[in-house]
Amino acid sequence: MTLFLWIVLFTLVGGVLSVAAAALFLLIPEHHHPRILPHGVSFALGALLSVAFLDLLPDALREVGEGGGDAVMATVLAGILGFFLLEKLLLWRHCHSDHCETHAEEHFHQPAGTLIVVGDGIHNFVDGVLIAAAFLTDIQLGVVTSLAVAAHEIPQELGDFAILLQSGYGRAKALLYNLLSSLATLVGGVLAYFGLEHLHGALPYILALAASSFVYIAVADLIPSLHQRTTAREAFQQVGLIALGIVVIHWTHARTGVDPGPPVAAGSGAYSGAVP
């Protein structure tokens, strides 16, 4: 099997496997959703903030090197403003009056679901680049990296499903959109194979953009929805589940983090060892 086919196969594994595992959440009967989904949203808030601040942004700052931190942070700021404008456009498209179903208090407005798909797609694209870089270094490392990516994505995908369902998406649509978002892993892997040396310089800013999407969704959509539940018992539950989301993401990232090392030249299937 050629190196390119290894990358295609395992970027699909890395992207789709985590969605398939998290999709078990969809088997919960719908009549339980009103009780379970608010807890899923609290977990999702912790997971998104943890991915942004403990995973994506540190990686971006390491990639850009000394002296590039200001540019990364400016990208985060620009990303937050950009996602605000995107959400405004989506709201205008879905709603043209002050009394609109997208403003219903019991759900997020549907654009929140759209934004989580966009943000997750950016994150998955970066995962695909990481997987390809690992394969360009060593096939065994590529396989391990793919499985690590799938493992550390599962908690975040669980949160994504909770957000999509709470935004009013049906189970079939939530699964479809998450699967489509996971295909960005394949796109990132293929592009990295053909031009990793050109793509590498943009990686810190792609990571920063993904982080900005998660921070925006957490602050603009998830936190206001949690504030609608005001009892002391609900507040303690929310804090506990937010902390759980942070701990789970941090733990899985620490347990599965793989440094692919310096990749060899990409673009023509270059590989430093024999390809089976």
C-alpha atoms as a PDB file:
ATOM      1  CA  MET A   1       0.000   0.000   0.000  1.00  0.00           C
ATOM      2  CA  THR A   2       1.396   3.423  -0.928  1.00  0.00           C
ATOM      3  CA  LEU A   3       2.077   6.099   1.662  1.00  0.00           C
ATOM      4  CA  PHE A   4      -0.711   8.250   0.220  1.00  0.00           C
ATOM      5  CA  LEU A   5      -3.253   5.451   0.764  1.00  0.00           C
ATOM      6  CA  TRP A   6      -2.009   4.977   4.332  1.00  0.00           C
ATOM      7  CA  ILE A   7      -2.694   8.679   4.976  1.00  0.00           C
ATOM      8  CA  VAL A   8      -6.138   8.592   3.329  1.00  0.00           C
ATOM      9  CA  LEU A   9      -7.164   5.475   5.269  1.00  0.00           C
ATOM     10  CA  PHE A  10      -5.997   6.634   8.670  1.00  0.00           C
ATOM     11  CA  THR A  11      -7.200  10.225   8.386  1.00  0.00           C
ATOM     12  CA  LEU A  12     -10.627   8.676   7.791  1.00  0.00           C
ATOM     13  CA  VAL A  13     -10.089   6.436  10.819  1.00  0.00           C
ATOM     14  CA  GLY A  14      -8.929   9.362  12.950  1.00  0.00           C
ATOM     15  CA  GLY A  15     -11.892  11.520  11.962  1.00  0.00           C
ATOM     16  CA  VAL A  16     -14.779   9.071  11.659  1.00  0.00           C
ATOM     17  CA  LEU A  17     -13.932   6.700  14.526  1.00  0.00           C
ATOM     18  CA  SER A  18     -14.344   9.377  17.192  1.00  0.00           C
ATOM     19  CA  VAL A  19     -17.693  10.478  15.722  1.00  0.00           C
ATOM     20  CA  ALA A  20     -18.905   6.880  15.584  1.00  0.00           C
ATOM     21  CA  ALA A  21     -17.958   6.297  19.229  1.00  0.00           C
ATOM     22  CA  ALA A  22     -19.562   9.562  20.379  1.00  0.00           C
ATOM     23  CA  ALA A  23     -22.688   8.780  18.314  1.00  0.00           C
ATOM     24  CA  LEU A  24     -23.670   6.242  20.964  1.00  0.00           C
ATOM     25  CA  PHE A  25     -25.009   9.335  22.751  1.00  0.00           C
ATOM     26  CA  LEU A  26     -27.702   9.505  20.064  1.00  0.00           C
ATOM     27  CA  LEU A  27     -29.122   6.152  21.178  1.00  0.00           C
ATOM     28  CA  ILE A  28     -30.551   7.823  24.286  1.00  0.00           C
ATOM     29  CA  PRO A  29     -34.366   8.026  23.796  1.00  0.00           C
ATOM     30  CA  GLU A  30     -35.602  11.496  22.915  1.00  0.00           C
ATOM     31  CA  HIS A  31     -37.926  11.755  25.925  1.00  0.00           C
ATOM     32  CA  HIS A  32     -34.811  11.782  28.128  1.00  0.00           C
ATOM     33  CA  HIS A  33     -33.202  14.670  26.177  1.00  0.00           C
ATOM     34  CA  PRO A  34     -34.779  17.568  28.151  1.00  0.00           C
ATOM     35  CA  ARG A  35     -33.244  16.153  31.342  1.00  0.00           C
ATOM     36  CA  ILE A  36     -29.872  15.062  29.926  1.00  0.00           C
ATOM     37  CA  LEU A  37     -28.970  17.728  27.339  1.00  0.00           C
ATOM     38  CA  PRO A  38     -28.447  20.623  29.803  1.00  0.00           C
ATOM     39  CA  HIS A  39     -25.847  18.448  31.544  1.00  0.00           C
ATOM     40  CA  GLY A  40     -24.277  17.663  28.165  1.00  0.00           C
ATOM     41  CA  VAL A  41     -24.043  21.373  27.426  1.00  0.00           C
ATOM     42  CA  SER A  42     -22.211  22.004  30.712  1.00  0.00           C
ATOM     43  CA  PHE A  43     -19.748  19.230  29.849  1.00  0.00           C
ATOM     44  CA  ALA A  44     -19.380  20.667  26.323  1.00  0.00           C
ATOM     45  CA  LEU A  45     -18.522  24.103  27.749  1.00  0.00           C
ATOM     46  CA  GLY A  46     -15.668  22.664  29.784  1.00  0.00           C
ATOM     47  CA  ALA A  47     -14.503  20.535  26.861  1.00  0.00           C
ATOM     48  CA  LEU A  48     -14.441  23.420  24.367  1.00  0.00           C
ATOM     49  CA  LEU A  49     -12.605  25.771  26.718  1.00  0.00           C
ATOM     50  CA  SER A  50     -10.131  23.028  27.597  1.00  0.00           C
ATOM     51  CA  VAL A  51      -9.436  22.225  23.939  1.00  0.00           C
ATOM     52  CA  ALA A  52      -8.950  25.929  23.179  1.00  0.00           C
ATOM     53  CA  PHE A  53      -6.728  26.918  26.120  1.00  0.00           C
ATOM     54  CA  LEU A  54      -4.915  23.687  26.988  1.00  0.00           C
ATOM     55  CA  ASP A  55      -4.510  22.176  23.529  1.00  0.00           C
ATOM     56  CA  LEU A  56      -4.883  24.429  20.486  1.00  0.00           C
ATOM     57  CA  LEU A  57      -3.400  27.702  21.751  1.00  0.00           C
ATOM     58  CA  PRO A  58      -0.327  26.169  23.450  1.00  0.00           C
ATOM     59  CA  ASP A  59       0.314  24.161  20.275  1.00  0.00           C
ATOM     60  CA  ALA A  60      -0.051  27.311  18.150  1.00  0.00           C
ATOM     61  CA  LEU A  61       2.390  29.246  20.330  1.00  0.00           C
ATOM     62  CA  ARG A  62       4.920  26.405  20.228  1.00  0.00           C
ATOM     63  CA  GLU A  63       4.604  26.158  16.445  1.00  0.00           C
ATOM     64  CA  VAL A  64       5.025  29.872  15.784  1.00  0.00           C
ATOM     65  CA  GLY A  65       8.119  30.115  17.957  1.00  0.00           C
ATOM     66  CA  GLU A  66       9.566  33.013  19.896  1.00  0.00           C
ATOM     67  CA  GLY A  67       8.320  36.409  18.789  1.00  0.00           C
ATOM     68  CA  GLY A  68       5.218  35.125  17.005  1.00  0.00           C
ATOM     69  CA  GLY A  69       2.859  35.094  19.973  1.00  0.00           C
ATOM     70  CA  ASP A  70       1.361  38.509  19.187  1.00  0.00           C
ATOM     71  CA  ALA A  71       0.350  37.380  15.703  1.00  0.00           C
ATOM     72  CA  VAL A  72      -1.287  34.230  17.095  1.00  0.00           C
ATOM     73  CA  MET A  73      -3.268  36.226  19.658  1.00  0.00           C
ATOM     74  CA  ALA A  74      -4.286  38.737  16.995  1.00  0.00           C
ATOM     75  CA  THR A  75      -5.581  35.794  14.955  1.00  0.00           C
ATOM     76  CA  VAL A  76      -7.647  34.645  17.944  1.00  0.00           C
ATOM     77  CA  LEU A  77      -9.132  38.129  18.305  1.00  0.00           C
ATOM     78  CA  ALA A  78      -9.861  38.379  14.575  1.00  0.00           C
ATOM     79  CA  GLY A  79     -11.401  34.903  14.684  1.00  0.00           C
ATOM     80  CA  ILE A  80     -13.755  35.806  17.534  1.00  0.00           C
ATOM     81  CA  LEU A  81     -14.910  38.918  15.675  1.00  0.00           C
ATOM     82  CA  GLY A  82     -15.249  36.908  12.468  1.00  0.00           C
ATOM     83  CA  PHE A  83     -17.407  34.263  14.134  1.00  0.00           C
ATOM     84  CA  PHE A  84     -19.546  37.013  15.648  1.00  0.00           C
ATOM     85  CA  LEU A  85     -20.173  38.395  12.152  1.00  0.00           C
ATOM     86  CA  LEU A  86     -20.815  34.905  10.773  1.00  0.00           C
ATOM     87  CA  GLU A  87     -23.366  34.229  13.491  1.00  0.00           C
ATOM     88  CA  LYS A  88     -25.049  37.551  12.758  1.00  0.00           C
ATOM     89  CA  LEU A  89     -25.336  36.624   9.087  1.00  0.00           C
ATOM     90  CA  LEU A  90     -26.766  33.214   9.976  1.00  0.00           C
ATOM     91  CA  LEU A  91     -29.272  34.815  12.345  1.00  0.00           C
ATOM     92  CA  TRP A  92     -30.391  37.267   9.672  1.00  0.00           C
ATOM     93  CA  ARG A  93     -30.817  34.365   7.278  1.00  0.00           C
ATOM     94  CA  HIS A  94     -32.911  32.333   9.726  1.00  0.00           C
ATOM     95  CA  CYS A  95     -34.883  35.155  11.274  1.00  0.00           C
ATOM     96  CA  HIS A  96     -36.177  38.516  10.097  1.00  0.00           C
ATOM     97  CA  SER A  97     -38.204  39.580  13.123  1.00  0.00           C
ATOM     98  CA  ASP A  98     -37.746  40.124  16.845  1.00  0.00           C
ATOM     99  CA  HIS A  99     -40.127  37.252  17.633  1.00  0.00           C
ATOM    100  CA  CYS A 100     -38.447  34.338  15.989  1.00  0.00           C
ATOM    101  CA  GLU A 101     -38.071  30.657  16.768  1.00  0.00           C
ATOM    102  CA  THR A 102     -34.284  31.017  16.713  1.00  0.00           C
ATOM    103  CA  HIS A 103     -34.567  33.208  19.816  1.00  0.00           C
ATOM    104  CA  ALA A 104     -36.539  30.680  21.815  1.00  0.00           C
ATOM    105  CA  GLU A 105     -35.158  30.387  25.346  1.00  0.00           C
ATOM    106  CA  GLU A 106     -35.425  26.598  25.612  1.00  0.00           C
ATOM    107  CA  HIS A 107     -32.910  26.056  22.798  1.00  0.00           C
ATOM    108  CA  PHE A 108     -29.843  27.712  21.400  1.00  0.00           C
ATOM    109  CA  HIS A 109     -30.566  29.383  18.116  1.00  0.00           C
ATOM    110  CA  GLN A 110     -29.702  27.069  15.234  1.00  0.00           C
ATOM    111  CA  PRO A 111     -26.632  29.060  14.091  1.00  0.00           C
ATOM    112  CA  ALA A 112     -24.890  27.910  17.283  1.00  0.00           C
ATOM    113  CA  GLY A 113     -25.022  24.399  15.847  1.00  0.00           C
ATOM    114  CA  THR A 114     -23.645  25.654  12.545  1.00  0.00           C
ATOM    115  CA  LEU A 115     -20.737  27.365  14.292  1.00  0.00           C
ATOM    116  CA  ILE A 116     -19.797  24.236  16.238  1.00  0.00           C
ATOM    117  CA  VAL A 117     -19.641  22.296  12.964  1.00  0.00           C
ATOM    118  CA  VAL A 118     -17.432  24.993  11.376  1.00  0.00           C
ATOM    119  CA  GLY A 119     -15.116  25.177  14.385  1.00  0.00           C
ATOM    120  CA  ASP A 120     -14.843  21.421  14.663  1.00  0.00           C
ATOM    121  CA  GLY A 121     -14.098  21.215  10.935  1.00  0.00           C
ATOM    122  CA  ILE A 122     -11.130  23.569  11.359  1.00  0.00           C
ATOM    123  CA  HIS A 123      -9.887  21.503  14.296  1.00  0.00           C
ATOM    124  CA  ASN A 124     -10.281  18.270  12.315  1.00  0.00           C
ATOM    125  CA  PHE A 125      -8.341  19.785   9.406  1.00  0.00           C
ATOM    126  CA  VAL A 126      -5.404  20.419  11.742  1.00  0.00           C
ATOM    127  CA  ASP A 127      -5.664  16.840  13.042  1.00  0.00           C
ATOM    128  CA  GLY A 128      -5.397  15.619   9.443  1.00  0.00           C
ATOM    129  CA  VAL A 129      -2.215  17.632   8.937  1.00  0.00           C
ATOM    130  CA  LEU A 130      -0.794  16.135  12.140  1.00  0.00           C
ATOM    131  CA  ILE A 131      -1.615  12.590  11.003  1.00  0.00           C
ATOM    132  CA  ALA A 132      -0.037  13.154   7.585  1.00  0.00           C
ATOM    133  CA  ALA A 133       3.094  14.643   9.165  1.00  0.00           C
ATOM    134  CA  ALA A 134       3.393  11.569  11.370  1.00  0.00           C
ATOM    135  CA  PHE A 135       3.072   9.206   8.384  1.00  0.00           C
ATOM    136  CA  LEU A 136       5.661  11.206   6.451  1.00  0.00           C
ATOM    137  CA  THR A 137       8.014  10.548   9.351  1.00  0.00           C
ATOM    138  CA  ASP A 138       7.220   6.899  10.036  1.00  0.00           C
ATOM    139  CA  ILE A 139       4.245   4.659   9.187  1.00  0.00           C
ATOM    140  CA  GLN A 140       4.065   3.131  12.667  1.00  0.00           C
ATOM    141  CA  LEU A 141       4.034   6.612  14.197  1.00  0.00           C
ATOM    142  CA  GLY A 142       1.275   7.597  11.766  1.00  0.00           C
ATOM    143  CA  VAL A 143      -0.914   4.685  12.884  1.00  0.00           C
ATOM    144  CA  VAL A 144      -0.395   5.525  16.568  1.00  0.00           C
ATOM    145  CA  THR A 145      -1.091   9.219  15.924  1.00  0.00           C
ATOM    146  CA  SER A 146      -4.341   8.412  14.086  1.00  0.00           C
ATOM    147  CA  LEU A 147      -5.612   6.303  16.974  1.00  0.00           C
ATOM    148  CA  ALA A 148      -4.528   8.980  19.461  1.00  0.00           C
ATOM    149  CA  VAL A 149      -6.422  11.642  17.512  1.00  0.00           C
ATOM    150  CA  ALA A 150      -9.557   9.484  17.496  1.00  0.00           C
ATOM    151  CA  ALA A 151      -9.288   8.841  21.235  1.00  0.00           C
ATOM    152  CA  HIS A 152      -8.818  12.442  22.316  1.00  0.00           C
ATOM    153  CA  GLU A 153     -11.615  13.650  20.009  1.00  0.00           C
ATOM    154  CA  ILE A 154     -14.323  11.439  21.555  1.00  0.00           C
ATOM    155  CA  PRO A 155     -15.115  13.659  24.606  1.00  0.00           C
ATOM    156  CA  GLN A 156     -15.306  16.760  22.406  1.00  0.00           C
ATOM    157  CA  GLU A 157     -17.558  14.992  19.898  1.00  0.00           C
ATOM    158  CA  LEU A 158     -19.887  14.037  22.748  1.00  0.00           C
ATOM    159  CA  GLY A 159     -20.161  17.721  23.612  1.00  0.00           C
ATOM    160  CA  ASP A 160     -20.752  18.599  19.960  1.00  0.00           C
ATOM    161  CA  PHE A 161     -23.683  16.184  19.774  1.00  0.00           C
ATOM    162  CA  ALA A 162     -25.191  17.721  22.905  1.00  0.00           C
ATOM    163  CA  ILE A 163     -24.883  21.226  21.401  1.00  0.00           C
ATOM    164  CA  LEU A 164     -26.391  20.190  18.054  1.00  0.00           C
ATOM    165  CA  LEU A 165     -29.349  18.445  19.697  1.00  0.00           C
ATOM    166  CA  GLN A 166     -29.923  21.385  22.042  1.00  0.00           C
ATOM    167  CA  SER A 167     -29.821  23.691  18.994  1.00  0.00           C
ATOM    168  CA  GLY A 168     -32.825  21.869  17.543  1.00  0.00           C
ATOM    169  CA  TYR A 169     -31.123  19.465  15.144  1.00  0.00           C
ATOM    170  CA  GLY A 170     -32.570  15.977  14.866  1.00  0.00           C
ATOM    171  CA  ARG A 171     -30.416  12.968  15.630  1.00  0.00           C
ATOM    172  CA  ALA A 172     -29.913  12.092  11.959  1.00  0.00           C
ATOM    173  CA  LYS A 173     -28.838  15.654  11.070  1.00  0.00           C
ATOM    174  CA  ALA A 174     -26.525  15.878  14.077  1.00  0.00           C
ATOM    175  CA  LEU A 175     -24.824  12.651  13.010  1.00  0.00           C
ATOM    176  CA  LEU A 176     -24.610  13.731   9.358  1.00  0.00           C
ATOM    177  CA  TYR A 177     -23.102  17.145  10.115  1.00  0.00           C
ATOM    178  CA  ASN A 178     -20.579  15.694  12.550  1.00  0.00           C
ATOM    179  CA  LEU A 179     -19.553  13.093   9.965  1.00  0.00           C
ATOM    180  CA  LEU A 180     -19.170  15.801   7.303  1.00  0.00           C
ATOM    181  CA  SER A 181     -17.066  17.845   9.728  1.00  0.00           C
ATOM    182  CA  SER A 182     -14.881  14.797  10.371  1.00  0.00           C
ATOM    183  CA  LEU A 183     -14.032  14.621   6.648  1.00  0.00           C
ATOM    184  CA  ALA A 184     -11.950  17.772   7.149  1.00  0.00           C
ATOM    185  CA  THR A 185      -9.393  15.396   8.686  1.00  0.00           C
ATOM    186  CA  LEU A 186      -9.056  13.714   5.293  1.00  0.00           C
ATOM    187  CA  VAL A 187      -8.752  17.085   3.537  1.00  0.00           C
ATOM    188  CA  GLY A 188      -6.017  18.197   5.933  1.00  0.00           C
ATOM    189  CA  GLY A 189      -4.132  14.937   5.489  1.00  0.00           C
ATOM    190  CA  VAL A 190      -4.240  15.026   1.678  1.00  0.00           C
ATOM    191  CA  LEU A 191      -3.198  18.680   1.469  1.00  0.00           C
ATOM    192  CA  ALA A 192      -0.367  18.062   3.914  1.00  0.00           C
ATOM    193  CA  TYR A 193       0.868  15.109   1.854  1.00  0.00           C
ATOM    194  CA  PHE A 194       1.151  17.244  -1.266  1.00  0.00           C
ATOM    195  CA  GLY A 195       2.459  20.419   0.341  1.00  0.00           C
ATOM    196  CA  LEU A 196       3.330  20.128   4.020  1.00  0.00           C
ATOM    197  CA  GLU A 197       6.309  22.464   3.651  1.00  0.00           C
ATOM    198  CA  HIS A 198       3.949  25.212   2.392  1.00  0.00           C
ATOM    199  CA  LEU A 199       1.167  24.432   4.872  1.00  0.00           C
ATOM    200  CA  HIS A 200       3.425  24.279   7.917  1.00  0.00           C
ATOM    201  CA  GLY A 201       3.818  28.045   8.213  1.00  0.00           C
ATOM    202  CA  ALA A 202       0.059  28.542   8.361  1.00  0.00           C
ATOM    203  CA  LEU A 203      -0.564  25.892  11.024  1.00  0.00           C
ATOM    204  CA  PRO A 204      -0.215  28.177  14.094  1.00  0.00           C
ATOM    205  CA  TYR A 205      -2.858  30.509  12.684  1.00  0.00           C
ATOM    206  CA  ILE A 206      -5.206  27.661  11.723  1.00  0.00           C
ATOM    207  CA  LEU A 207      -4.897  26.386  15.302  1.00  0.00           C
ATOM    208  CA  ALA A 208      -5.594  29.884  16.626  1.00  0.00           C
ATOM    209  CA  LEU A 209      -8.657  30.188  14.396  1.00  0.00           C
ATOM    210  CA  ALA A 210     -10.016  26.860  15.647  1.00  0.00           C
ATOM    211  CA  ALA A 211      -9.424  28.008  19.237  1.00  0.00           C
ATOM    212  CA  SER A 212     -11.256  31.280  18.596  1.00  0.00           C
ATOM    213  CA  SER A 213     -14.313  29.403  17.308  1.00  0.00           C
ATOM    214  CA  PHE A 214     -14.499  27.271  20.456  1.00  0.00           C
ATOM    215  CA  VAL A 215     -14.017  30.262  22.758  1.00  0.00           C
ATOM    216  CA  TYR A 216     -16.705  32.223  20.905  1.00  0.00           C
ATOM    217  CA  ILE A 217     -19.242  29.369  21.046  1.00  0.00           C
ATOM    218  CA  ALA A 218     -18.544  28.815  24.749  1.00  0.00           C
ATOM    219  CA  VAL A 219     -18.859  32.479  25.716  1.00  0.00           C
ATOM    220  CA  ALA A 220     -21.581  33.660  23.319  1.00  0.00           C
ATOM    221  CA  ASP A 221     -23.892  30.635  23.272  1.00  0.00           C
ATOM    222  CA  LEU A 222     -23.216  28.077  25.991  1.00  0.00           C
ATOM    223  CA  ILE A 223     -22.644  30.285  29.039  1.00  0.00           C
ATOM    224  CA  PRO A 224     -25.817  32.407  28.473  1.00  0.00           C
ATOM    225  CA  SER A 225     -27.887  29.229  28.119  1.00  0.00           C
ATOM    226  CA  LEU A 226     -26.534  27.883  31.415  1.00  0.00           C
ATOM    227  CA  HIS A 227     -27.387  31.139  33.183  1.00  0.00           C
ATOM    228  CA  GLN A 228     -31.066  30.472  32.412  1.00  0.00           C
ATOM    229  CA  ARG A 229     -30.982  27.796  35.125  1.00  0.00           C
ATOM    230  CA  THR A 230     -30.573  29.670  38.380  1.00  0.00           C
ATOM    231  CA  THR A 231     -31.131  27.295  41.310  1.00  0.00           C
ATOM    232  CA  ALA A 232     -28.182  26.533  43.594  1.00  0.00           C
ATOM    233  CA  ARG A 233     -28.446  22.798  42.817  1.00  0.00           C
ATOM    234  CA  GLU A 234     -28.290  23.444  39.060  1.00  0.00           C
ATOM    235  CA  ALA A 235     -25.358  25.839  39.508  1.00  0.00           C
ATOM    236  CA  PHE A 236     -23.331  23.232  41.419  1.00  0.00           C
ATOM    237  CA  GLN A 237     -24.147  20.616  38.784  1.00  0.00           C
ATOM    238  CA  GLN A 238     -23.013  22.971  36.029  1.00  0.00           C
ATOM    239  CA  VAL A 239     -19.725  23.793  37.734  1.00  0.00           C
ATOM    240  CA  GLY A 240     -19.041  20.117  38.379  1.00  0.00           C
ATOM    241  CA  LEU A 241     -19.755  19.104  34.767  1.00  0.00           C
ATOM    242  CA  ILE A 242     -17.720  22.021  33.362  1.00  0.00           C
ATOM    243  CA  ALA A 243     -14.797  20.891  35.527  1.00  0.00           C
ATOM    244  CA  LEU A 244     -15.345  17.308  34.355  1.00  0.00           C
ATOM    245  CA  GLY A 245     -15.188  18.425  30.713  1.00  0.00           C
ATOM    246  CA  ILE A 246     -11.902  20.237  31.368  1.00  0.00           C
ATOM    247  CA  VAL A 247     -10.372  17.283  33.226  1.00  0.00           C
ATOM    248  CA  VAL A 248     -11.441  14.686  30.652  1.00  0.00           C
ATOM    249  CA  ILE A 249     -10.052  16.657  27.708  1.00  0.00           C
ATOM    250  CA  HIS A 250      -6.812  17.397  29.559  1.00  0.00           C
ATOM    251  CA  TRP A 251      -6.436  13.753  30.600  1.00  0.00           C
ATOM    252  CA  THR A 252      -7.100  12.310  27.150  1.00  0.00           C
ATOM    253  CA  HIS A 253      -4.774  14.846  25.521  1.00  0.00           C
ATOM    254  CA  ALA A 254      -2.018  14.071  28.031  1.00  0.00           C
ATOM    255  CA  ARG A 255      -2.482  10.321  27.594  1.00  0.00           C
ATOM    256  CA  THR A 256      -2.686  10.337  23.788  1.00  0.00           C
ATOM    257  CA  GLY A 257      -0.506  13.318  22.819  1.00  0.00           C
ATOM    258  CA  VAL A 258       1.937  12.312  20.078  1.00  0.00           C
ATOM    259  CA  ASP A 259       4.717  14.451  18.706  1.00  0.00           C
ATOM    260  CA  PRO A 260       5.113  13.465  15.035  1.00  0.00           C
ATOM    261  CA  GLY A 261       8.631  14.852  14.935  1.00  0.00           C
ATOM    262  CA  PRO A 262      10.139  16.578  11.918  1.00  0.00           C
ATOM    263  CA  PRO A 263       8.441  15.286   8.748  1.00  0.00           C
ATOM    264  CA  VAL A 264      10.376  14.526   5.617  1.00  0.00           C
ATOM    265  CA  ALA A 265       9.720  16.460   2.435  1.00  0.00           C
ATOM    266  CA  ALA A 266       6.154  15.971   1.231  1.00  0.00           C
ATOM    267  CA  GLY A 267       4.486  16.324  -2.123  1.00  0.00           C
ATOM    268  CA  SER A 268       5.649  13.326  -4.096  1.00  0.00           C
ATOM    269  CA  GLY A 269       5.295  10.533  -1.595  1.00  0.00           C
ATOM    270  CA  ALA A 270       8.770  11.093  -0.206  1.00  0.00           C
ATOM    271  CA  TYR A 271       9.407   8.842   2.733  1.00  0.00           C
ATOM    272  CA  SER A 272      12.562   8.034   4.614  1.00  0.00           C
ATOM    273  CA  GLY A 273      11.819   4.314   4.949  1.00  0.00           C
ATOM    274  CA  ALA A 274      10.413   1.479   2.912  1.00  0.00           C
ATOM    275  CA  VAL A 275       6.692   1.671   2.187  1.00  0.00           C
ATOM    276  CA  PRO A 276       4.873  -1.671   2.363  1.00  0.00           C
END
